[in-house]
Amino acid sequence: MKQHYYSTQIRWLGNLGMGTRSYSAYSRNFIITAEGKSEIRVSSDVAFRGDPSLFNPEDLFVSSIASCHMLWYLHLCAINKIVVMEYQDGPEGFMSEEENGAGQFEKVILNPIVHLKEMDKAELALELHERAHEYCFIARSVNCVIELKPQIILH
């Protein structure tokens, strides 16, 4: 079995002069970096006093699932001689929060729209979404439900 290693750095940018003296005394902004890559500016969700103009961890979670699915799907299409011309997705995440503030994602829905060069393998192209889901590293690592609602369109 191959092993893969990933390392990122997270640096909080939110000390407004008083640290975490009180709940409202600090910003939730931070950056994510990794060697040789562009930084990602992040904050908490607006519901948790975050900056609405920045991505939040929940956005990144949902996007990670959708991105991994897309990359596996494109790979499976390529090896099955299905020519994808465009791919887009509008993934949706549903998270519940308990009274004490703890929470978890209950469901993520992937809504990929795939434009094929030819429709002769459209049925297989649709089926490959299930296979991509079975292989997706991120989907296999989370415990929430992931629903697939793919569409196939002639380019």
N, C-alpha and C. Protein backbone atom coordinates (compact mmCIF):
# COMPACT_ATOMS: atom_id res chain seq x y z
N MET A 1 0.84 -1.19 0.00
CA MET A 1 0.00 0.00 0.00
C MET A 1 0.88 1.24 0.00
N LYS A 2 0.57 2.17 -0.89
CA LYS A 2 1.28 3.44 -0.92
C LYS A 2 0.79 4.33 0.20
N GLN A 3 1.68 5.13 0.73
CA GLN A 3 1.32 6.13 1.73
C GLN A 3 1.60 7.51 1.14
N HIS A 4 0.74 8.45 1.39
CA HIS A 4 0.90 9.82 0.93
C HIS A 4 0.85 10.73 2.14
N TYR A 5 1.63 11.79 2.11
CA TYR A 5 1.73 12.71 3.24
C TYR A 5 1.39 14.12 2.77
N TYR A 6 0.62 14.84 3.57
CA TYR A 6 0.24 16.20 3.24
C TYR A 6 0.52 17.08 4.45
N SER A 7 1.03 18.26 4.19
CA SER A 7 1.35 19.19 5.27
C SER A 7 0.96 20.60 4.85
N THR A 8 0.23 21.27 5.73
CA THR A 8 -0.11 22.67 5.51
C THR A 8 0.21 23.42 6.78
N GLN A 9 0.19 24.72 6.69
CA GLN A 9 0.37 25.56 7.86
C GLN A 9 -0.84 26.47 7.96
N ILE A 10 -1.27 26.69 9.18
CA ILE A 10 -2.39 27.59 9.45
C ILE A 10 -1.88 28.66 10.41
N ARG A 11 -2.11 29.91 10.04
CA ARG A 11 -1.67 31.02 10.91
C ARG A 11 -2.83 31.96 11.14
N TRP A 12 -3.21 32.12 12.39
CA TRP A 12 -4.29 33.01 12.80
C TRP A 12 -3.84 34.45 12.64
N LEU A 13 -4.69 35.28 12.07
CA LEU A 13 -4.40 36.69 11.86
C LEU A 13 -5.28 37.59 12.73
N GLY A 14 -5.98 37.00 13.67
CA GLY A 14 -7.07 37.70 14.33
C GLY A 14 -6.82 38.42 15.63
N ASN A 15 -5.58 38.54 16.08
CA ASN A 15 -5.36 39.28 17.32
C ASN A 15 -5.52 40.76 17.03
N LEU A 16 -6.56 41.35 17.56
CA LEU A 16 -6.85 42.77 17.34
C LEU A 16 -6.27 43.65 18.44
N GLY A 17 -5.36 43.07 19.22
CA GLY A 17 -4.70 43.83 20.28
C GLY A 17 -4.94 43.27 21.67
N MET A 18 -6.02 42.50 21.84
CA MET A 18 -6.33 41.94 23.14
C MET A 18 -6.38 40.42 23.12
N GLY A 19 -5.93 39.81 22.02
CA GLY A 19 -5.99 38.35 21.92
C GLY A 19 -7.42 37.87 22.05
N THR A 20 -7.61 36.79 22.76
CA THR A 20 -8.95 36.21 22.94
C THR A 20 -9.53 36.60 24.31
N ARG A 21 -9.31 37.82 24.70
CA ARG A 21 -9.80 38.32 26.00
C ARG A 21 -11.30 38.10 26.15
N SER A 22 -12.05 38.28 25.06
CA SER A 22 -13.49 38.00 25.07
C SER A 22 -13.87 37.44 23.70
N TYR A 23 -15.08 36.91 23.61
CA TYR A 23 -15.56 36.30 22.38
C TYR A 23 -15.59 37.29 21.21
N SER A 24 -15.85 38.55 21.51
CA SER A 24 -15.94 39.54 20.44
C SER A 24 -14.65 40.34 20.26
N ALA A 25 -13.60 40.00 20.99
CA ALA A 25 -12.36 40.79 20.95
C ALA A 25 -11.40 40.39 19.83
N TYR A 26 -11.70 39.34 19.10
CA TYR A 26 -10.74 38.86 18.10
C TYR A 26 -11.42 38.55 16.77
N SER A 27 -10.63 38.60 15.73
CA SER A 27 -11.08 38.25 14.38
C SER A 27 -10.88 36.75 14.18
N ARG A 28 -11.71 36.20 13.33
CA ARG A 28 -11.61 34.76 13.01
C ARG A 28 -10.78 34.51 11.76
N ASN A 29 -10.12 35.52 11.23
CA ASN A 29 -9.36 35.39 9.99
C ASN A 29 -8.04 34.65 10.19
N PHE A 30 -7.69 33.86 9.18
CA PHE A 30 -6.42 33.13 9.20
C PHE A 30 -6.02 32.81 7.76
N ILE A 31 -4.82 32.34 7.61
CA ILE A 31 -4.36 31.92 6.28
C ILE A 31 -3.92 30.46 6.34
N ILE A 32 -4.10 29.79 5.22
CA ILE A 32 -3.61 28.43 5.05
C ILE A 32 -2.52 28.51 3.99
N THR A 33 -1.37 27.95 4.29
CA THR A 33 -0.28 27.91 3.33
C THR A 33 0.28 26.50 3.25
N ALA A 34 0.96 26.27 2.15
CA ALA A 34 1.72 25.03 1.96
C ALA A 34 2.91 25.39 1.08
N GLU A 35 3.98 24.73 1.31
CA GLU A 35 5.22 25.05 0.60
C GLU A 35 5.00 25.07 -0.91
N GLY A 36 5.38 26.19 -1.53
CA GLY A 36 5.32 26.32 -2.98
C GLY A 36 3.94 26.60 -3.54
N LYS A 37 2.95 26.88 -2.68
CA LYS A 37 1.58 27.10 -3.15
C LYS A 37 1.08 28.46 -2.70
N SER A 38 0.08 28.96 -3.39
CA SER A 38 -0.55 30.23 -3.01
C SER A 38 -1.26 30.08 -1.67
N GLU A 39 -1.27 31.15 -0.90
CA GLU A 39 -1.98 31.11 0.36
C GLU A 39 -3.48 31.23 0.13
N ILE A 40 -4.24 30.71 1.08
CA ILE A 40 -5.69 30.81 1.05
C ILE A 40 -6.10 31.61 2.28
N ARG A 41 -6.79 32.71 2.05
CA ARG A 41 -7.28 33.53 3.17
C ARG A 41 -8.64 32.98 3.58
N VAL A 42 -8.80 32.74 4.87
CA VAL A 42 -9.97 32.05 5.40
C VAL A 42 -10.47 32.77 6.64
N SER A 43 -11.73 32.57 6.93
CA SER A 43 -12.33 33.07 8.17
C SER A 43 -13.36 32.05 8.61
N SER A 44 -13.99 32.29 9.72
CA SER A 44 -15.10 31.42 10.10
C SER A 44 -16.34 31.86 9.33
N ASP A 45 -17.37 31.05 9.38
CA ASP A 45 -18.64 31.39 8.76
C ASP A 45 -19.18 32.66 9.42
N VAL A 46 -19.97 33.41 8.68
CA VAL A 46 -20.57 34.63 9.20
C VAL A 46 -21.36 34.34 10.48
N ALA A 47 -21.99 33.17 10.54
CA ALA A 47 -22.78 32.79 11.72
C ALA A 47 -21.91 32.72 12.98
N PHE A 48 -20.59 32.61 12.78
CA PHE A 48 -19.66 32.49 13.91
C PHE A 48 -18.68 33.66 13.93
N ARG A 49 -19.18 34.83 13.52
CA ARG A 49 -18.45 36.09 13.56
C ARG A 49 -17.32 36.17 12.52
N GLY A 50 -17.47 35.47 11.42
CA GLY A 50 -16.44 35.47 10.39
C GLY A 50 -16.64 36.54 9.34
N ASP A 51 -15.64 36.69 8.50
CA ASP A 51 -15.64 37.65 7.40
C ASP A 51 -16.38 37.03 6.21
N PRO A 52 -17.49 37.61 5.78
CA PRO A 52 -18.28 37.03 4.70
C PRO A 52 -17.58 37.05 3.34
N SER A 53 -16.51 37.82 3.20
CA SER A 53 -15.82 37.90 1.91
C SER A 53 -14.76 36.80 1.75
N LEU A 54 -14.54 36.01 2.78
CA LEU A 54 -13.51 34.97 2.73
C LEU A 54 -14.14 33.58 2.78
N PHE A 55 -13.42 32.62 2.23
CA PHE A 55 -13.84 31.23 2.38
C PHE A 55 -13.82 30.87 3.86
N ASN A 56 -14.65 29.89 4.23
CA ASN A 56 -14.61 29.37 5.59
C ASN A 56 -14.34 27.87 5.53
N PRO A 57 -14.01 27.23 6.65
CA PRO A 57 -13.71 25.80 6.62
C PRO A 57 -14.85 24.96 6.04
N GLU A 58 -16.08 25.38 6.27
CA GLU A 58 -17.22 24.63 5.74
C GLU A 58 -17.26 24.71 4.21
N ASP A 59 -16.98 25.90 3.65
CA ASP A 59 -16.87 26.03 2.20
C ASP A 59 -15.80 25.08 1.65
N LEU A 60 -14.66 25.07 2.33
CA LEU A 60 -13.54 24.26 1.87
C LEU A 60 -13.84 22.76 1.98
N PHE A 61 -14.57 22.38 3.01
CA PHE A 61 -14.97 20.98 3.18
C PHE A 61 -15.83 20.52 2.01
N VAL A 62 -16.88 21.29 1.72
CA VAL A 62 -17.79 20.94 0.63
C VAL A 62 -17.05 20.95 -0.71
N SER A 63 -16.20 21.96 -0.91
CA SER A 63 -15.42 22.05 -2.15
C SER A 63 -14.42 20.90 -2.28
N SER A 64 -13.86 20.46 -1.18
CA SER A 64 -12.92 19.34 -1.23
C SER A 64 -13.60 18.07 -1.71
N ILE A 65 -14.79 17.81 -1.21
CA ILE A 65 -15.53 16.62 -1.64
C ILE A 65 -15.83 16.71 -3.14
N ALA A 66 -16.34 17.86 -3.57
CA ALA A 66 -16.69 18.04 -4.98
C ALA A 66 -15.46 17.98 -5.89
N SER A 67 -14.35 18.56 -5.44
CA SER A 67 -13.12 18.56 -6.25
C SER A 67 -12.57 17.16 -6.42
N CYS A 68 -12.54 16.42 -5.34
CA CYS A 68 -12.02 15.04 -5.40
C CYS A 68 -12.90 14.20 -6.33
N HIS A 69 -14.21 14.35 -6.19
CA HIS A 69 -15.14 13.62 -7.06
C HIS A 69 -14.87 13.96 -8.52
N MET A 70 -14.74 15.25 -8.82
CA MET A 70 -14.50 15.69 -10.20
C MET A 70 -13.22 15.06 -10.77
N LEU A 71 -12.15 15.09 -10.00
CA LEU A 71 -10.87 14.58 -10.50
C LEU A 71 -10.94 13.08 -10.77
N TRP A 72 -11.60 12.33 -9.89
CA TRP A 72 -11.77 10.90 -10.14
C TRP A 72 -12.67 10.67 -11.36
N TYR A 73 -13.73 11.45 -11.46
CA TYR A 73 -14.66 11.30 -12.58
C TYR A 73 -13.95 11.55 -13.91
N LEU A 74 -13.19 12.63 -13.99
CA LEU A 74 -12.47 12.93 -15.23
C LEU A 74 -11.48 11.81 -15.58
N HIS A 75 -10.81 11.28 -14.57
CA HIS A 75 -9.89 10.16 -14.79
C HIS A 75 -10.64 8.96 -15.36
N LEU A 76 -11.76 8.61 -14.75
CA LEU A 76 -12.53 7.45 -15.21
C LEU A 76 -13.08 7.67 -16.62
N CYS A 77 -13.49 8.88 -16.93
CA CYS A 77 -13.95 9.17 -18.29
C CYS A 77 -12.80 9.00 -19.28
N ALA A 78 -11.64 9.51 -18.94
CA ALA A 78 -10.49 9.42 -19.85
C ALA A 78 -10.13 7.96 -20.15
N ILE A 79 -10.09 7.13 -19.12
CA ILE A 79 -9.69 5.73 -19.37
C ILE A 79 -10.81 4.92 -20.03
N ASN A 80 -12.03 5.46 -20.02
CA ASN A 80 -13.15 4.81 -20.69
C ASN A 80 -13.48 5.47 -22.03
N LYS A 81 -12.57 6.32 -22.51
CA LYS A 81 -12.70 6.97 -23.82
C LYS A 81 -13.98 7.80 -23.94
N ILE A 82 -14.33 8.48 -22.85
CA ILE A 82 -15.45 9.41 -22.86
C ILE A 82 -14.85 10.81 -22.83
N VAL A 83 -15.17 11.61 -23.83
CA VAL A 83 -14.58 12.93 -23.95
C VAL A 83 -15.46 13.97 -23.25
N VAL A 84 -14.96 14.47 -22.12
CA VAL A 84 -15.64 15.53 -21.37
C VAL A 84 -15.09 16.86 -21.88
N MET A 85 -15.98 17.75 -22.27
CA MET A 85 -15.58 19.06 -22.77
C MET A 85 -15.67 20.14 -21.69
N GLU A 86 -16.62 20.00 -20.78
CA GLU A 86 -16.79 20.94 -19.67
C GLU A 86 -17.32 20.18 -18.47
N TYR A 87 -16.99 20.68 -17.31
CA TYR A 87 -17.47 20.09 -16.05
C TYR A 87 -17.66 21.23 -15.06
N GLN A 88 -18.79 21.28 -14.45
CA GLN A 88 -19.02 22.26 -13.39
C GLN A 88 -19.89 21.61 -12.32
N ASP A 89 -19.80 22.12 -11.13
CA ASP A 89 -20.58 21.57 -10.03
C ASP A 89 -20.98 22.71 -9.11
N GLY A 90 -22.10 22.59 -8.49
CA GLY A 90 -22.56 23.53 -7.48
C GLY A 90 -22.88 22.74 -6.22
N PRO A 91 -21.84 22.24 -5.55
CA PRO A 91 -22.08 21.39 -4.38
C PRO A 91 -22.76 22.17 -3.25
N GLU A 92 -23.58 21.45 -2.49
CA GLU A 92 -24.30 22.04 -1.37
C GLU A 92 -24.03 21.22 -0.12
N GLY A 93 -23.76 21.90 0.98
CA GLY A 93 -23.53 21.22 2.25
C GLY A 93 -24.57 21.61 3.27
N PHE A 94 -25.01 20.65 4.06
CA PHE A 94 -26.01 20.88 5.09
C PHE A 94 -25.43 20.46 6.44
N MET A 95 -25.27 21.45 7.30
CA MET A 95 -24.66 21.22 8.60
C MET A 95 -25.67 21.54 9.68
N SER A 96 -25.69 20.74 10.73
CA SER A 96 -26.56 21.03 11.87
C SER A 96 -25.69 21.41 13.06
N GLU A 97 -26.22 22.31 13.86
CA GLU A 97 -25.50 22.78 15.03
C GLU A 97 -26.35 22.51 16.26
N GLU A 98 -25.74 21.93 17.28
CA GLU A 98 -26.43 21.61 18.52
C GLU A 98 -26.47 22.83 19.43
N GLU A 99 -27.28 22.76 20.46
CA GLU A 99 -27.41 23.86 21.42
C GLU A 99 -26.07 24.26 22.02
N ASN A 100 -25.20 23.29 22.26
CA ASN A 100 -23.90 23.58 22.90
C ASN A 100 -22.86 24.10 21.91
N GLY A 101 -23.23 24.25 20.63
CA GLY A 101 -22.31 24.77 19.62
C GLY A 101 -21.62 23.71 18.79
N ALA A 102 -21.65 22.47 19.23
CA ALA A 102 -21.06 21.38 18.43
C ALA A 102 -21.93 21.17 17.19
N GLY A 103 -21.36 20.62 16.17
CA GLY A 103 -22.14 20.38 14.96
C GLY A 103 -21.45 19.41 14.03
N GLN A 104 -22.14 19.08 12.98
CA GLN A 104 -21.58 18.19 11.98
C GLN A 104 -22.35 18.34 10.68
N PHE A 105 -21.69 17.99 9.60
CA PHE A 105 -22.37 17.95 8.31
C PHE A 105 -23.25 16.72 8.28
N GLU A 106 -24.48 16.93 7.90
CA GLU A 106 -25.42 15.82 7.76
C GLU A 106 -25.39 15.27 6.34
N LYS A 107 -25.21 16.20 5.37
CA LYS A 107 -25.30 15.79 3.98
C LYS A 107 -24.57 16.78 3.09
N VAL A 108 -23.98 16.25 2.02
CA VAL A 108 -23.41 17.07 0.95
C VAL A 108 -24.03 16.55 -0.34
N ILE A 109 -24.52 17.46 -1.15
CA ILE A 109 -25.10 17.08 -2.45
C ILE A 109 -24.18 17.63 -3.54
N LEU A 110 -23.74 16.74 -4.41
CA LEU A 110 -22.95 17.14 -5.57
C LEU A 110 -23.90 17.24 -6.77
N ASN A 111 -23.77 18.31 -7.52
CA ASN A 111 -24.65 18.59 -8.66
C ASN A 111 -23.82 18.80 -9.93
N PRO A 112 -23.02 17.80 -10.31
CA PRO A 112 -22.16 18.01 -11.48
C PRO A 112 -22.95 18.08 -12.79
N ILE A 113 -22.54 19.01 -13.63
CA ILE A 113 -23.07 19.12 -14.98
C ILE A 113 -21.90 18.84 -15.92
N VAL A 114 -22.03 17.77 -16.68
CA VAL A 114 -20.95 17.30 -17.54
C VAL A 114 -21.35 17.47 -19.00
N HIS A 115 -20.52 18.16 -19.75
CA HIS A 115 -20.75 18.35 -21.18
C HIS A 115 -19.87 17.36 -21.93
N LEU A 116 -20.50 16.46 -22.67
CA LEU A 116 -19.77 15.45 -23.45
C LEU A 116 -19.67 15.87 -24.91
N LYS A 117 -18.58 15.44 -25.54
CA LYS A 117 -18.41 15.72 -26.97
C LYS A 117 -19.41 14.91 -27.78
N GLU A 118 -19.69 13.66 -27.35
CA GLU A 118 -20.62 12.77 -28.03
C GLU A 118 -21.47 12.08 -26.99
N MET A 119 -22.70 11.78 -27.32
CA MET A 119 -23.63 11.17 -26.37
C MET A 119 -23.68 9.65 -26.46
N ASP A 120 -22.83 9.04 -27.29
CA ASP A 120 -22.91 7.59 -27.48
C ASP A 120 -22.60 6.81 -26.20
N LYS A 121 -21.87 7.40 -25.27
CA LYS A 121 -21.56 6.73 -24.00
C LYS A 121 -22.16 7.49 -22.81
N ALA A 122 -23.27 8.16 -23.04
CA ALA A 122 -23.89 8.97 -21.99
C ALA A 122 -24.29 8.13 -20.78
N GLU A 123 -24.81 6.93 -21.03
CA GLU A 123 -25.23 6.07 -19.91
C GLU A 123 -24.02 5.68 -19.05
N LEU A 124 -22.93 5.30 -19.69
CA LEU A 124 -21.72 4.98 -18.95
C LEU A 124 -21.19 6.21 -18.24
N ALA A 125 -21.25 7.35 -18.90
CA ALA A 125 -20.78 8.60 -18.29
C ALA A 125 -21.55 8.89 -17.01
N LEU A 126 -22.84 8.61 -17.00
CA LEU A 126 -23.65 8.81 -15.81
C LEU A 126 -23.26 7.81 -14.72
N GLU A 127 -23.06 6.56 -15.10
CA GLU A 127 -22.68 5.52 -14.14
C GLU A 127 -21.31 5.77 -13.50
N LEU A 128 -20.42 6.40 -14.24
CA LEU A 128 -19.08 6.65 -13.71
C LEU A 128 -19.08 7.58 -12.51
N HIS A 129 -20.15 8.33 -12.31
CA HIS A 129 -20.24 9.16 -11.10
C HIS A 129 -20.26 8.29 -9.85
N GLU A 130 -20.98 7.18 -9.91
CA GLU A 130 -21.01 6.26 -8.76
C GLU A 130 -19.63 5.66 -8.50
N ARG A 131 -18.95 5.29 -9.56
CA ARG A 131 -17.60 4.72 -9.40
C ARG A 131 -16.64 5.77 -8.86
N ALA A 132 -16.75 6.99 -9.37
CA ALA A 132 -15.89 8.07 -8.87
C ALA A 132 -16.14 8.27 -7.37
N HIS A 133 -17.38 8.20 -6.96
CA HIS A 133 -17.72 8.35 -5.54
C HIS A 133 -17.07 7.24 -4.71
N GLU A 134 -17.05 6.04 -5.24
CA GLU A 134 -16.44 4.91 -4.53
C GLU A 134 -14.93 5.08 -4.37
N TYR A 135 -14.29 5.78 -5.29
CA TYR A 135 -12.84 5.96 -5.25
C TYR A 135 -12.40 7.25 -4.58
N CYS A 136 -13.26 8.23 -4.49
CA CYS A 136 -12.89 9.55 -3.99
C CYS A 136 -12.29 9.47 -2.58
N PHE A 137 -11.06 9.92 -2.46
CA PHE A 137 -10.35 9.86 -1.17
C PHE A 137 -11.08 10.63 -0.08
N ILE A 138 -11.58 11.80 -0.44
CA ILE A 138 -12.23 12.65 0.55
C ILE A 138 -13.57 12.05 0.97
N ALA A 139 -14.38 11.64 0.00
CA ALA A 139 -15.69 11.05 0.32
C ALA A 139 -15.53 9.81 1.21
N ARG A 140 -14.50 9.03 0.95
CA ARG A 140 -14.27 7.82 1.75
C ARG A 140 -13.81 8.15 3.17
N SER A 141 -13.43 9.39 3.40
CA SER A 141 -12.88 9.80 4.69
C SER A 141 -13.87 10.54 5.59
N VAL A 142 -15.06 10.82 5.09
CA VAL A 142 -16.02 11.57 5.88
C VAL A 142 -17.20 10.68 6.26
N ASN A 143 -17.94 11.11 7.28
CA ASN A 143 -19.05 10.26 7.73
C ASN A 143 -20.44 10.83 7.44
N CYS A 144 -20.52 11.89 6.64
CA CYS A 144 -21.85 12.40 6.28
C CYS A 144 -22.30 11.75 4.98
N VAL A 145 -23.59 11.84 4.72
CA VAL A 145 -24.16 11.34 3.48
C VAL A 145 -23.72 12.23 2.32
N ILE A 146 -23.35 11.61 1.21
CA ILE A 146 -23.02 12.36 0.00
C ILE A 146 -23.96 11.88 -1.10
N GLU A 147 -24.78 12.79 -1.60
CA GLU A 147 -25.72 12.47 -2.68
C GLU A 147 -25.17 12.98 -4.00
N LEU A 148 -25.44 12.23 -5.05
CA LEU A 148 -25.01 12.62 -6.40
C LEU A 148 -26.24 12.92 -7.24
N LYS A 149 -26.23 14.09 -7.89
CA LYS A 149 -27.32 14.47 -8.78
C LYS A 149 -26.71 14.97 -10.10
N PRO A 150 -26.06 14.06 -10.84
CA PRO A 150 -25.36 14.48 -12.06
C PRO A 150 -26.31 14.70 -13.25
N GLN A 151 -25.85 15.56 -14.14
CA GLN A 151 -26.52 15.80 -15.43
C GLN A 151 -25.49 15.63 -16.54
N ILE A 152 -25.92 15.02 -17.63
CA ILE A 152 -25.07 14.86 -18.80
C ILE A 152 -25.68 15.66 -19.93
N ILE A 153 -24.85 16.48 -20.60
CA ILE A 153 -25.32 17.38 -21.66
C ILE A 153 -24.40 17.22 -22.87
N LEU A 154 -24.96 17.27 -24.06
CA LEU A 154 -24.16 17.27 -25.28
C LEU A 154 -23.54 18.64 -25.44
N HIS A 155 -22.22 18.67 -25.67
CA HIS A 155 -21.49 19.95 -25.80
C HIS A 155 -21.76 20.59 -27.15
